[in-house]
Amino acid sequence: MSHADLLDPAPVFQLKGSMLAITVLELAHNDLARLDHQLSEKVAQAPNFFQNTPLVLALDKLQPGAQRLDLHALLAVCRSHGLRTLAIRANLAEHIAAAQALDLPVLPPSSARERPIGPGATAAPVPAKKPEKPAEPVIRPTRVVTTPVRGGQQIYAPGGDLLVLAPVSAGAELLADGNIHVYAPMRGRALAGIKGNGQARIFCRVLAAELLSIAGRYKVAEDLRRDPNWGEAVHIHLAGDVLNITRL
């Protein structure tokens, strides 16, 4: 890194909202100290926004440099500010390999237009275009987990459903492109339909979760504890843009 880079006042990153209502952190420079400082400033401006916020970490526009990216340390910086990384967006083989080693889903580089988010940000007009026929989804068999999911573990079911037959501890993360079923106490985080499937659903035997999310719409533990179905067997689905929790 050059001396000029250290003095460069330009932001290390931009926070952008995607069409799926999942936050995208688009990294421009490999400078974790500066990222940590600028995230602290952003959290001070909008502290409520950064509480357990689902995140896609975009590395595809990272400027090349001599210093190797430490993805594990980068995730730790994001987590320390309340950002929960669901997946990374990358195009370099070394970044993809690092994500796979951490069992993180990898999304392809995006050509979609996004808008910066934060206090005072305004949405840029998006020109209308002819809707394209969505690609046919790749259906994969349901992933079945029979052992307890411990804190710090992350389990992902790409292209299908995730079925867990054992307790899920606080600090654990379940992710699925389809539905999530937990036939035991659910104390961690469950994120279904993470690639935008608004028809995905979550089922759990005992609702005690830290976070529930479907297609980017989510509720954290503070909201869930106020629900009359807290501690019960429940079914969660999207009603419009709101998570609807009903007793089984």
Foldseek 3Di string as FASTA:
>chain_A
DDPVVVVDPDQQWFWWADPLQAIEIEGAEQDLVRVLVVLVVQCVQPVVCQAQGEYEYEDANYDDDDDDHDVVVNCVSSVVSNYHYQAYEHDDPVVVVNCVVLVHHYDYDDPDDTFTDGPPGDDDDDDDDDDDDDDDQDADDEAEAEDEADAPAEAEAERYEYEYAYEYADNYEYEYCAEYEAAYHYAYEYEYNCVQPQAHKYWYAFANYQKYYYSNQIDGNVVVVPDPCHGHTWMWHDDPSHIDIDHD
